[in-house]
PDB file of N, CA and C in Angstrom:
ATOM      1  N   MET A   1       0.486  -1.352   0.438  1.00  0.00           N
ATOM      2  CA  MET A   1       0.068   0.335  -0.073  1.00  0.00           C
ATOM      3  C   MET A   1       0.349   1.238  -0.298  1.00  0.00           C
ATOM      4  N   GLY A   2       1.111   1.443   1.833  1.00  0.00           N
ATOM      5  CA  GLY A   2       2.230   2.959   0.885  1.00  0.00           C
ATOM      6  C   GLY A   2       1.801   3.953   1.858  1.00  0.00           C
ATOM      7  N   ASN A   3       2.433   4.528   2.289  1.00  0.00           N
ATOM      8  CA  ASN A   3       2.256   5.712   3.098  1.00  0.00           C
ATOM      9  C   ASN A   3       0.834   6.741   2.353  1.00  0.00           C
ATOM     10  N   ASP A   4       0.373   7.065   3.394  1.00  0.00           N
ATOM     11  CA  ASP A   4      -0.872   8.623   2.450  1.00  0.00           C
ATOM     12  C   ASP A   4       0.121   9.365   2.720  1.00  0.00           C
ATOM     13  N   LEU A   5       1.597  10.156   3.485  1.00  0.00           N
ATOM     14  CA  LEU A   5       1.920  10.953   3.286  1.00  0.00           C
ATOM     15  C   LEU A   5       2.878  11.533   2.829  1.00  0.00           C
ATOM     16  N   VAL A   6       3.065  12.923   1.962  1.00  0.00           N
ATOM     17  CA  VAL A   6       4.701  12.462   0.796  1.00  0.00           C
ATOM     18  C   VAL A   6       4.850  13.528   1.115  1.00  0.00           C
ATOM     19  N   LEU A   7       6.218  14.451   1.227  1.00  0.00           N
ATOM     20  CA  LEU A   7       6.889  15.727   2.340  1.00  0.00           C
ATOM     21  C   LEU A   7       6.971  16.689   0.769  1.00  0.00           C
ATOM     22  N   GLY A   8       5.989  17.352   1.110  1.00  0.00           N
ATOM     23  CA  GLY A   8       5.637  19.094  -0.182  1.00  0.00           C
ATOM     24  C   GLY A   8       7.053  19.454  -0.007  1.00  0.00           C
ATOM     25  N   GLY A   9       7.196  19.227  -1.628  1.00  0.00           N
ATOM     26  CA  GLY A   9       8.488  19.883  -2.004  1.00  0.00           C
ATOM     27  C   GLY A   9       8.215  21.137  -3.109  1.00  0.00           C
ATOM     28  N   TYR A  10       9.178  20.681  -4.501  1.00  0.00           N
ATOM     29  CA  TYR A  10       8.953  20.673  -5.257  1.00  0.00           C
ATOM     30  C   TYR A  10       7.661  20.704  -5.889  1.00  0.00           C
ATOM     31  N   GLY A  11       6.933  21.198  -6.757  1.00  0.00           N
ATOM     32  CA  GLY A  11       6.293  20.316  -7.606  1.00  0.00           C
ATOM     33  C   GLY A  11       4.548  20.050  -6.357  1.00  0.00           C
ATOM     34  N   GLN A  12       5.166  20.903  -5.847  1.00  0.00           N
ATOM     35  CA  GLN A  12       3.328  21.665  -4.693  1.00  0.00           C
ATOM     36  C   GLN A  12       3.096  22.629  -4.387  1.00  0.00           C
ATOM     37  N   PRO A  13       2.225  23.142  -4.575  1.00  0.00           N
ATOM     38  CA  PRO A  13       1.950  24.857  -4.158  1.00  0.00           C
ATOM     39  C   PRO A  13       3.672  25.400  -2.382  1.00  0.00           C
ATOM     40  N   GLU A  14       3.317  26.526  -3.431  1.00  0.00           N
ATOM     41  CA  GLU A  14       4.536  26.845  -2.544  1.00  0.00           C
ATOM     42  C   GLU A  14       3.986  27.406  -0.404  1.00  0.00           C
ATOM     43  N   GLU A  15       3.162  27.348  -0.400  1.00  0.00           N
ATOM     44  CA  GLU A  15       2.380  27.554   0.812  1.00  0.00           C
ATOM     45  C   GLU A  15       2.628  26.173   1.699  1.00  0.00           C
ATOM     46  N   ARG A  16       2.666  24.867   0.650  1.00  0.00           N
ATOM     47  CA  ARG A  16       2.706  23.169   1.191  1.00  0.00           C
ATOM     48  C   ARG A  16       4.110  22.897   1.005  1.00  0.00           C
ATOM     49  N   ARG A  17       5.228  23.381   0.771  1.00  0.00           N
ATOM     50  CA  ARG A  17       5.915  22.963   0.482  1.00  0.00           C
ATOM     51  C   ARG A  17       7.543  22.619   2.347  1.00  0.00           C
ATOM     52  N   GLY A  18       7.495  21.350   2.018  1.00  0.00           N
ATOM     53  CA  GLY A  18       8.631  21.155   3.834  1.00  0.00           C
ATOM     54  C   GLY A  18       7.135  20.595   4.827  1.00  0.00           C
ATOM     55  N   TRP A  19       5.958  20.975   4.702  1.00  0.00           N
ATOM     56  CA  TRP A  19       5.589  20.300   5.448  1.00  0.00           C
ATOM     57  C   TRP A  19       5.087  18.735   4.501  1.00  0.00           C
ATOM     58  N   LEU A  20       4.412  17.820   5.686  1.00  0.00           N
ATOM     59  CA  LEU A  20       3.698  16.603   4.681  1.00  0.00           C
ATOM     60  C   LEU A  20       3.251  17.080   4.672  1.00  0.00           C
ATOM     61  N   ALA A  21       2.408  16.574   3.443  1.00  0.00           N
ATOM     62  CA  ALA A  21       1.080  16.685   2.095  1.00  0.00           C
ATOM     63  C   ALA A  21       0.823  15.359   1.554  1.00  0.00           C
ATOM     64  N   PRO A  22      -0.497  15.158   2.086  1.00  0.00           N
ATOM     65  CA  PRO A  22      -1.777  14.497   1.354  1.00  0.00           C
ATOM     66  C   PRO A  22      -1.226  14.039   0.457  1.00  0.00           C
ATOM     67  N   LYS A  23      -0.588  12.030  -0.128  1.00  0.00           N
ATOM     68  CA  LYS A  23      -1.153  11.678  -1.264  1.00  0.00           C
ATOM     69  C   LYS A  23      -2.429  12.232  -2.738  1.00  0.00           C
ATOM     70  N   GLN A  24      -2.063  12.728  -3.612  1.00  0.00           N
ATOM     71  CA  GLN A  24      -3.238  12.635  -3.608  1.00  0.00           C
ATOM     72  C   GLN A  24      -3.438  11.189  -5.483  1.00  0.00           C
ATOM     73  N   SER A  25      -5.016  10.944  -4.570  1.00  0.00           N
ATOM     74  CA  SER A  25      -4.995   9.660  -5.242  1.00  0.00           C
ATOM     75  C   SER A  25      -5.707   8.995  -6.688  1.00  0.00           C
ATOM     76  N   ALA A  26      -5.931   8.701  -7.176  1.00  0.00           N
ATOM     77  CA  ALA A  26      -5.750   8.034  -8.881  1.00  0.00           C
ATOM     78  C   ALA A  26      -6.788   9.009  -9.010  1.00  0.00           C
ATOM     79  N   VAL A  27      -8.291   8.857  -8.397  1.00  0.00           N
ATOM     80  CA  VAL A  27      -9.493   9.160  -8.363  1.00  0.00           C
ATOM     81  C   VAL A  27      -9.102  10.320  -8.430  1.00  0.00           C
ATOM     82  N   GLN A  28      -8.314  11.258  -7.208  1.00  0.00           N
ATOM     83  CA  GLN A  28      -8.798  12.743  -7.388  1.00  0.00           C
ATOM     84  C   GLN A  28      -8.384  13.333  -8.787  1.00  0.00           C
ATOM     85  N   ARG A  29      -6.461  12.637  -9.154  1.00  0.00           N
ATOM     86  CA  ARG A  29      -5.648  13.197 -10.161  1.00  0.00           C
ATOM     87  C   ARG A  29      -6.375  13.014 -11.398  1.00  0.00           C
ATOM     88  N   GLU A  30      -7.161  12.600 -11.379  1.00  0.00           N
ATOM     89  CA  GLU A  30      -8.794  12.002 -12.653  1.00  0.00           C
ATOM     90  C   GLU A  30      -9.603  13.273 -12.899  1.00  0.00           C
ATOM     91  N   TYR A  31      -9.775  13.707 -11.731  1.00  0.00           N
ATOM     92  CA  TYR A  31     -10.703  14.905 -11.665  1.00  0.00           C
ATOM     93  C   TYR A  31     -10.459  15.926 -11.497  1.00  0.00           C
ATOM     94  N   GLN A  32      -9.330  16.323 -11.944  1.00  0.00           N
ATOM     95  CA  GLN A  32      -8.181  17.301 -11.582  1.00  0.00           C
ATOM     96  C   GLN A  32      -8.329  17.970 -12.937  1.00  0.00           C
ATOM     97  N   GLN A  33      -7.820  16.583 -13.842  1.00  0.00           N
ATOM     98  CA  GLN A  33      -7.340  16.048 -14.933  1.00  0.00           C
ATOM     99  C   GLN A  33      -8.440  16.706 -15.422  1.00  0.00           C
ATOM    100  N   ARG A  34      -9.736  16.237 -15.075  1.00  0.00           N
ATOM    101  CA  ARG A  34     -11.442  16.489 -16.577  1.00  0.00           C
ATOM    102  C   ARG A  34     -11.463  17.824 -15.748  1.00  0.00           C
ATOM    103  N   GLU A  35     -10.994  18.194 -14.647  1.00  0.00           N
ATOM    104  CA  GLU A  35     -11.864  19.616 -14.289  1.00  0.00           C
ATOM    105  C   GLU A  35     -10.533  20.362 -15.252  1.00  0.00           C
ATOM    106  N   GLU A  36      -9.160  20.704 -15.801  1.00  0.00           N
ATOM    107  CA  GLU A  36      -7.998  21.325 -16.265  1.00  0.00           C
ATOM    108  C   GLU A  36      -8.996  21.199 -17.546  1.00  0.00           C
ATOM    109  N   ARG A  37      -8.995  19.826 -17.816  1.00  0.00           N
ATOM    110  CA  ARG A  37      -9.529  19.908 -19.417  1.00  0.00           C
ATOM    111  C   ARG A  37     -10.387  20.475 -19.478  1.00  0.00           C
ATOM    112  N   ALA A  38     -11.685  20.557 -18.395  1.00  0.00           N
ATOM    113  CA  ALA A  38     -12.807  21.208 -18.973  1.00  0.00           C
ATOM    114  C   ALA A  38     -12.822  23.284 -18.892  1.00  0.00           C
ATOM    115  N   ALA A  39     -11.698  23.186 -18.599  1.00  0.00           N
ATOM    116  CA  ALA A  39     -11.225  24.402 -18.272  1.00  0.00           C
ATOM    117  C   ALA A  39     -10.450  24.989 -19.161  1.00  0.00           C
ATOM    118  N   ALA A  40      -9.462  24.715 -19.309  1.00  0.00           N
ATOM    119  CA  ALA A  40      -9.788  24.637 -21.213  1.00  0.00           C
ATOM    120  C   ALA A  40     -10.226  24.971 -22.064  1.00  0.00           C
ATOM    121  N   GLU A  41     -11.282  23.697 -22.229  1.00  0.00           N
ATOM    122  CA  GLU A  41     -11.915  23.538 -23.219  1.00  0.00           C
ATOM    123  C   GLU A  41     -13.323  24.702 -23.379  1.00  0.00           C
ATOM    124  N   LEU A  42     -13.366  25.400 -22.361  1.00  0.00           N
ATOM    125  CA  LEU A  42     -14.253  26.754 -21.863  1.00  0.00           C
ATOM    126  C   LEU A  42     -13.246  28.148 -22.644  1.00  0.00           C
ATOM    127  N   MET A  43     -12.312  28.055 -22.196  1.00  0.00           N
ATOM    128  CA  MET A  43     -11.438  28.543 -22.373  1.00  0.00           C
ATOM    129  C   MET A  43     -11.225  29.222 -24.221  1.00  0.00           C
ATOM    130  N   PHE A  44     -11.106  28.118 -25.092  1.00  0.00           N
ATOM    131  CA  PHE A  44     -10.688  27.752 -26.191  1.00  0.00           C
ATOM    132  C   PHE A  44     -12.020  28.536 -26.655  1.00  0.00           C
ATOM    133  N   GLN A  45     -13.134  27.536 -25.913  1.00  0.00           N
ATOM    134  CA  GLN A  45     -14.963  28.250 -27.013  1.00  0.00           C
ATOM    135  C   GLN A  45     -14.535  28.931 -26.717  1.00  0.00           C
ATOM    136  N   ALA A  46     -14.575  29.961 -25.790  1.00  0.00           N
ATOM    137  CA  ALA A  46     -14.459  31.756 -25.745  1.00  0.00           C
ATOM    138  C   ALA A  46     -13.756  32.568 -26.382  1.00  0.00           C
ATOM    139  N   LYS A  47     -12.495  32.235 -26.438  1.00  0.00           N
ATOM    140  CA  LYS A  47     -11.066  32.697 -27.659  1.00  0.00           C
ATOM    141  C   LYS A  47     -11.986  32.904 -28.762  1.00  0.00           C
ATOM    142  N   LYS A  48     -12.369  31.220 -29.338  1.00  0.00           N
ATOM    143  CA  LYS A  48     -12.991  30.931 -30.582  1.00  0.00           C
ATOM    144  C   LYS A  48     -14.365  31.863 -30.876  1.00  0.00           C
ATOM    145  N   GLN A  49     -14.636  32.556 -29.963  1.00  0.00           N
ATOM    146  CA  GLN A  49     -16.257  33.225 -29.812  1.00  0.00           C
ATOM    147  C   GLN A  49     -15.808  34.537 -29.977  1.00  0.00           C
ATOM    148  N   GLU A  50     -14.590  34.716 -29.446  1.00  0.00           N
ATOM    149  CA  GLU A  50     -14.175  36.698 -29.807  1.00  0.00           C
ATOM    150  C   GLU A  50     -13.388  36.427 -31.103  1.00  0.00           C
ATOM    151  N   ALA A  51     -13.184  35.968 -31.582  1.00  0.00           N
ATOM    152  CA  ALA A  51     -12.187  35.857 -32.780  1.00  0.00           C
ATOM    153  C   ALA A  51     -13.279  35.929 -33.120  1.00  0.00           C
ATOM    154  N   THR A  52     -15.001  35.427 -34.035  1.00  0.00           N
ATOM    155  CA  THR A  52     -15.252  35.089 -34.818  1.00  0.00           C
ATOM    156  C   THR A  52     -15.932  36.350 -34.734  1.00  0.00           C
ATOM    157  N   ALA A  53     -16.620  37.534 -33.033  1.00  0.00           N
ATOM    158  CA  ALA A  53     -16.730  38.387 -33.248  1.00  0.00           C
ATOM    159  C   ALA A  53     -16.319  39.297 -33.812  1.00  0.00           C
ATOM    160  N   ALA A  54     -15.458  39.289 -33.496  1.00  0.00           N
ATOM    161  CA  ALA A  54     -13.713  40.055 -34.361  1.00  0.00           C
ATOM    162  C   ALA A  54     -13.728  40.127 -35.341  1.00  0.00           C
ATOM    163  N   LEU A  55     -13.516  38.927 -36.283  1.00  0.00           N
ATOM    164  CA  LEU A  55     -14.031  39.068 -37.836  1.00  0.00           C
ATOM    165  C   LEU A  55     -15.248  39.067 -37.786  1.00  0.00           C
ATOM    166  N   ARG A  56     -16.718  39.399 -38.152  1.00  0.00           N
ATOM    167  CA  ARG A  56     -18.098  39.809 -37.951  1.00  0.00           C
ATOM    168  C   ARG A  56     -18.581  40.973 -37.625  1.00  0.00           C
ATOM    169  N   MET A  57     -17.754  42.280 -36.933  1.00  0.00           N
ATOM    170  CA  MET A  57     -17.432  42.778 -36.483  1.00  0.00           C
ATOM    171  C   MET A  57     -16.553  43.909 -38.388  1.00  0.00           C
ATOM    172  N   ARG A  58     -15.381  43.589 -38.139  1.00  0.00           N
ATOM    173  CA  ARG A  58     -15.007  43.739 -39.472  1.00  0.00           C
ATOM    174  C   ARG A  58     -15.198  43.522 -40.810  1.00  0.00           C
ATOM    175  N   LEU A  59     -16.041  42.181 -41.097  1.00  0.00           N
ATOM    176  CA  LEU A  59     -16.716  41.811 -42.364  1.00  0.00           C
ATOM    177  C   LEU A  59     -17.741  43.725 -42.546  1.00  0.00           C
ATOM    178  N   THR A  60     -18.733  43.598 -40.693  1.00  0.00           N
ATOM    179  CA  THR A  60     -19.390  44.553 -40.946  1.00  0.00           C
ATOM    180  C   THR A  60     -19.356  45.706 -41.447  1.00  0.00           C
ATOM    181  N   GLU A  61     -17.901  46.338 -40.955  1.00  0.00           N
ATOM    182  CA  GLU A  61     -17.465  47.785 -40.897  1.00  0.00           C
ATOM    183  C   GLU A  61     -16.738  47.824 -42.949  1.00  0.00           C
ATOM    184  N   THR A  62     -16.101  46.722 -43.433  1.00  0.00           N
ATOM    185  CA  THR A  62     -16.668  46.548 -44.020  1.00  0.00           C
ATOM    186  C   THR A  62     -17.222  46.421 -45.375  1.00  0.00           C
ATOM    187  N   ALA A  63     -18.163  45.687 -45.108  1.00  0.00           N
ATOM    188  CA  ALA A  63     -19.030  45.688 -45.533  1.00  0.00           C
ATOM    189  C   ALA A  63     -19.568  46.768 -45.669  1.00  0.00           C
ATOM    190  N   MET A  64     -19.599  47.700 -44.524  1.00  0.00           N
ATOM    191  CA  MET A  64     -21.652  48.829 -44.457  1.00  0.00           C
ATOM    192  C   MET A  64     -20.469  50.310 -45.825  1.00  0.00           C
ATOM    193  N   HIS A  65     -19.156  49.895 -46.050  1.00  0.00           N
ATOM    194  CA  HIS A  65     -18.590  51.231 -46.023  1.00  0.00           C
ATOM    195  C   HIS A  65     -18.336  50.864 -48.079  1.00  0.00           C
ATOM    196  N   ASP A  66     -18.103  49.410 -48.503  1.00  0.00           N
ATOM    197  CA  ASP A  66     -18.330  48.529 -49.559  1.00  0.00           C
ATOM    198  C   ASP A  66     -19.762  49.247 -50.176  1.00  0.00           C
ATOM    199  N   VAL A  67     -20.500  48.695 -49.523  1.00  0.00           N
ATOM    200  CA  VAL A  67     -23.066  49.619 -49.444  1.00  0.00           C
ATOM    201  C   VAL A  67     -22.406  50.797 -49.768  1.00  0.00           C
ATOM    202  N   ALA A  68     -22.513  51.866 -49.218  1.00  0.00           N
ATOM    203  CA  ALA A  68     -21.849  53.306 -48.983  1.00  0.00           C
ATOM    204  C   ALA A  68     -21.050  53.489 -50.750  1.00  0.00           C
ATOM    205  N   ASP A  69     -19.402  52.458 -51.032  1.00  0.00           N
ATOM    206  CA  ASP A  69     -18.799  52.995 -52.402  1.00  0.00           C
ATOM    207  C   ASP A  69     -20.495  52.821 -53.491  1.00  0.00           C
ATOM    208  N   VAL A  70     -21.187  51.977 -53.248  1.00  0.00           N
ATOM    209  CA  VAL A  70     -21.294  51.748 -54.558  1.00  0.00           C
ATOM    210  C   VAL A  70     -23.368  52.453 -55.227  1.00  0.00           C
ATOM    211  N   VAL A  71     -23.072  52.856 -53.688  1.00  0.00           N
ATOM    212  CA  VAL A  71     -24.645  53.675 -53.622  1.00  0.00           C
ATOM    213  C   VAL A  71     -23.803  55.362 -54.690  1.00  0.00           C
ATOM    214  N   SER A  72     -23.438  55.396 -53.844  1.00  0.00           N
ATOM    215  CA  SER A  72     -22.040  56.844 -54.331  1.00  0.00           C
ATOM    216  C   SER A  72     -21.846  57.219 -56.099  1.00  0.00           C
ATOM    217  N   LEU A  73     -21.181  55.344 -56.001  1.00  0.00           N
ATOM    218  CA  LEU A  73     -21.707  55.639 -57.725  1.00  0.00           C
ATOM    219  C   LEU A  73     -22.169  55.164 -58.801  1.00  0.00           C
ATOM    220  N   ALA A  74     -23.501  54.636 -57.913  1.00  0.00           N
ATOM    221  CA  ALA A  74     -24.889  54.417 -58.173  1.00  0.00           C
ATOM    222  C   ALA A  74     -25.132  56.131 -58.978  1.00  0.00           C
ATOM    223  N   ARG A  75     -24.882  57.008 -58.295  1.00  0.00           N
ATOM    224  CA  ARG A  75     -25.095  58.088 -57.843  1.00  0.00           C
ATOM    225  C   ARG A  75     -24.812  58.683 -58.970  1.00  0.00           C
ATOM    226  N   GLN A  76     -23.451  58.461 -59.109  1.00  0.00           N
ATOM    227  CA  GLN A  76     -22.636  59.023 -60.578  1.00  0.00           C
ATOM    228  C   GLN A  76     -23.279  58.418 -61.801  1.00  0.00           C
ATOM    229  N   LEU A  77     -23.613  56.932 -62.212  1.00  0.00           N
ATOM    230  CA  LEU A  77     -23.398  56.894 -63.084  1.00  0.00           C
ATOM    231  C   LEU A  77     -25.379  57.282 -62.784  1.00  0.00           C
ATOM    232  N   ALA A  78     -26.197  57.784 -62.581  1.00  0.00           N
ATOM    233  CA  ALA A  78     -27.482  57.655 -63.336  1.00  0.00           C
ATOM    234  C   ALA A  78     -27.244  58.436 -63.654  1.00  0.00           C
ATOM    235  N   ALA A  79     -26.480  60.086 -63.197  1.00  0.00           N
ATOM    236  CA  ALA A  79     -26.424  61.887 -62.944  1.00  0.00           C
ATOM    237  C   ALA A  79     -27.701  61.672 -63.446  1.00  0.00           C
ATOM    238  N   GLY A  80     -28.763  61.655 -62.805  1.00  0.00           N
ATOM    239  CA  GLY A  80     -30.119  62.398 -63.349  1.00  0.00           C
ATOM    240  C   GLY A  80     -30.732  61.470 -64.370  1.00  0.00           C
ATOM    241  N   ASP A  81     -30.714  60.869 -64.522  1.00  0.00           N
ATOM    242  CA  ASP A  81     -31.637  60.279 -65.918  1.00  0.00           C
ATOM    243  C   ASP A  81     -31.999  58.887 -64.936  1.00  0.00           C
ATOM    244  N   PRO A  82     -33.305  59.670 -65.497  1.00  0.00           N
ATOM    245  CA  PRO A  82     -34.483  58.258 -64.150  1.00  0.00           C
ATOM    246  C   PRO A  82     -34.230  57.026 -64.257  1.00  0.00           C
ATOM    247  N   PHE A  83     -34.571  56.566 -65.186  1.00  0.00           N
ATOM    248  CA  PHE A  83     -34.245  54.706 -66.072  1.00  0.00           C
ATOM    249  C   PHE A  83     -33.069  54.248 -65.584  1.00  0.00           C
ATOM    250  N   LEU A  84     -31.666  55.251 -66.110  1.00  0.00           N
ATOM    251  CA  LEU A  84     -30.497  54.672 -64.949  1.00  0.00           C
ATOM    252  C   LEU A  84     -30.361  54.177 -63.593  1.00  0.00           C
ATOM    253  N   ALA A  85     -30.613  54.757 -63.074  1.00  0.00           N
ATOM    254  CA  ALA A  85     -30.738  55.800 -61.659  1.00  0.00           C
ATOM    255  C   ALA A  85     -32.295  54.446 -61.423  1.00  0.00           C
ATOM    256  N   GLN A  86     -33.527  53.995 -61.845  1.00  0.00           N
ATOM    257  CA  GLN A  86     -33.754  53.173 -61.197  1.00  0.00           C
ATOM    258  C   GLN A  86     -33.707  51.081 -61.602  1.00  0.00           C
ATOM    259  N   GLU A  87     -32.103  51.360 -62.889  1.00  0.00           N
ATOM    260  CA  GLU A  87     -32.380  50.017 -62.545  1.00  0.00           C
ATOM    261  C   GLU A  87     -31.111  49.955 -62.088  1.00  0.00           C
ATOM    262  N   LEU A  88     -30.349  50.726 -62.235  1.00  0.00           N
ATOM    263  CA  LEU A  88     -29.104  50.499 -60.606  1.00  0.00           C
ATOM    264  C   LEU A  88     -29.590  50.882 -60.020  1.00  0.00           C
ATOM    265  N   GLY A  89     -31.218  51.184 -59.018  1.00  0.00           N
ATOM    266  CA  GLY A  89     -31.310  51.235 -57.482  1.00  0.00           C
ATOM    267  C   GLY A  89     -31.745  50.025 -58.061  1.00  0.00           C
ATOM    268  N   ALA A  90     -32.074  48.916 -58.661  1.00  0.00           N
ATOM    269  CA  ALA A  90     -31.798  47.298 -58.291  1.00  0.00           C
ATOM    270  C   ALA A  90     -30.669  47.290 -57.819  1.00  0.00           C
ATOM    271  N   LEU A  91     -30.274  47.557 -58.631  1.00  0.00           N
ATOM    272  CA  LEU A  91     -28.139  46.664 -58.635  1.00  0.00           C
ATOM    273  C   LEU A  91     -27.891  47.119 -57.397  1.00  0.00           C
ATOM    274  N   VAL A  92     -28.812  47.796 -56.757  1.00  0.00           N
ATOM    275  CA  VAL A  92     -27.754  48.401 -56.297  1.00  0.00           C
ATOM    276  C   VAL A  92     -28.873  47.206 -53.927  1.00  0.00           C
ATOM    277  N   GLY A  93     -29.822  47.579 -54.945  1.00  0.00           N
ATOM    278  CA  GLY A  93     -30.728  47.195 -53.674  1.00  0.00           C
ATOM    279  C   GLY A  93     -30.219  45.871 -53.754  1.00  0.00           C
ATOM    280  N   GLU A  94     -30.009  45.153 -54.629  1.00  0.00           N
ATOM    281  CA  GLU A  94     -29.350  43.287 -54.535  1.00  0.00           C
ATOM    282  C   GLU A  94     -28.205  43.296 -53.979  1.00  0.00           C
ATOM    283  N   PHE A  95     -27.240  43.908 -54.681  1.00  0.00           N
ATOM    284  CA  PHE A  95     -26.272  43.759 -53.681  1.00  0.00           C
ATOM    285  C   PHE A  95     -26.382  43.538 -51.893  1.00  0.00           C
ATOM    286  N   ASN A  96     -26.642  44.892 -51.345  1.00  0.00           N
ATOM    287  CA  ASN A  96     -27.228  45.056 -50.401  1.00  0.00           C
ATOM    288  C   ASN A  96     -27.550  44.045 -49.655  1.00  0.00           C
ATOM    289  N   ARG A  97     -28.733  43.170 -50.365  1.00  0.00           N
ATOM    290  CA  ARG A  97     -29.296  42.600 -49.607  1.00  0.00           C
ATOM    291  C   ARG A  97     -28.850  41.576 -49.812  1.00  0.00           C
ATOM    292  N   GLN A  98     -27.592  41.032 -50.439  1.00  0.00           N
ATOM    293  CA  GLN A  98     -26.273  40.217 -50.483  1.00  0.00           C
ATOM    294  C   GLN A  98     -25.482  40.161 -49.122  1.00  0.00           C
ATOM    295  N   THR A  99     -25.185  42.019 -49.402  1.00  0.00           N
ATOM    296  CA  THR A  99     -24.411  41.604 -48.443  1.00  0.00           C
ATOM    297  C   THR A  99     -24.637  41.652 -47.281  1.00  0.00           C
ATOM    298  N   ALA A 100     -25.939  41.623 -46.854  1.00  0.00           N
ATOM    299  CA  ALA A 100     -26.284  40.993 -45.539  1.00  0.00           C
ATOM    300  C   ALA A 100     -26.707  39.779 -45.318  1.00  0.00           C
ATOM    301  N   ARG A 101     -27.144  39.599 -46.382  1.00  0.00           N
ATOM    302  CA  ARG A 101     -26.772  37.352 -45.570  1.00  0.00           C
ATOM    303  C   ARG A 101     -25.408  37.217 -45.491  1.00  0.00           C
ATOM    304  N   ASP A 102     -24.688  37.932 -46.335  1.00  0.00           N
ATOM    305  CA  ASP A 102     -23.493  37.180 -45.836  1.00  0.00           C
ATOM    306  C   ASP A 102     -22.876  37.327 -44.340  1.00  0.00           C
ATOM    307  N   ILE A 103     -23.587  38.855 -44.225  1.00  0.00           N
ATOM    308  CA  ILE A 103     -23.026  39.031 -43.025  1.00  0.00           C
ATOM    309  C   ILE A 103     -22.906  38.494 -42.100  1.00  0.00           C
ATOM    310  N   ARG A 104     -24.973  37.570 -42.682  1.00  0.00           N
ATOM    311  CA  ARG A 104     -25.489  36.797 -40.910  1.00  0.00           C
ATOM    312  C   ARG A 104     -25.684  36.054 -41.188  1.00  0.00           C
ATOM    313  N   GLY A 105     -25.136  35.658 -42.313  1.00  0.00           N
ATOM    314  CA  GLY A 105     -24.686  33.965 -43.026  1.00  0.00           C
ATOM    315  C   GLY A 105     -22.486  33.662 -42.393  1.00  0.00           C
ATOM    316  N   PHE A 106     -22.298  34.274 -42.036  1.00  0.00           N
ATOM    317  CA  PHE A 106     -20.786  33.935 -42.231  1.00  0.00           C
ATOM    318  C   PHE A 106     -19.890  33.134 -40.823  1.00  0.00           C
ATOM    319  N   GLY A 107     -19.583  32.356 -41.135  1.00  0.00           N
ATOM    320  CA  GLY A 107     -19.708  30.991 -39.810  1.00  0.00           C
ATOM    321  C   GLY A 107     -19.549  30.284 -40.215  1.00  0.00           C
ATOM    322  N   ASN A 108     -21.481  29.961 -40.819  1.00  0.00           N
ATOM    323  CA  ASN A 108     -22.372  29.026 -40.753  1.00  0.00           C
ATOM    324  C   ASN A 108     -21.584  28.072 -41.376  1.00  0.00           C
ATOM    325  N   GLY A 109     -21.527  26.890 -41.207  1.00  0.00           N
ATOM    326  CA  GLY A 109     -20.778  25.310 -41.889  1.00  0.00           C
ATOM    327  C   GLY A 109     -18.834  25.442 -41.589  1.00  0.00           C
ATOM    328  N   LEU A 110     -19.115  26.566 -41.026  1.00  0.00           N
ATOM    329  CA  LEU A 110     -18.109  26.179 -41.162  1.00  0.00           C
ATOM    330  C   LEU A 110     -16.682  25.711 -40.445  1.00  0.00           C
ATOM    331  N   GLY A 111     -18.471  25.451 -39.453  1.00  0.00           N
ATOM    332  CA  GLY A 111     -17.260  24.855 -37.740  1.00  0.00           C
ATOM    333  C   GLY A 111     -17.200  26.266 -36.582  1.00  0.00           C
ATOM    334  N   LEU A 112     -17.468  27.830 -36.840  1.00  0.00           N
ATOM    335  CA  LEU A 112     -16.922  29.024 -36.444  1.00  0.00           C
ATOM    336  C   LEU A 112     -18.971  28.941 -35.385  1.00  0.00           C
TER     337      LEU A 112
END
């Protein structure tokens, strides 16, 4: 069997060094390892969500600038022509809808 006490030293928390510390049982070590893995998994998931949110925010900001550029270009190209403005308006509207779909669907199917 063995002694349930070991001399605390290196590898032990500093406040326990030099003291007689109880040995960890295999079950306790398994629980501790599970807890450490669960904590690491939670940290990974949190960092992944944070990165996804940052990417989505960057994508949204870039898309807003693109939409503004497309609207401005359509106004310049129409130059007061109502027929051309109507046709370009339909293209701008479709661009805006597709951009919104792209932002909403960001990460779907990629495991993000």
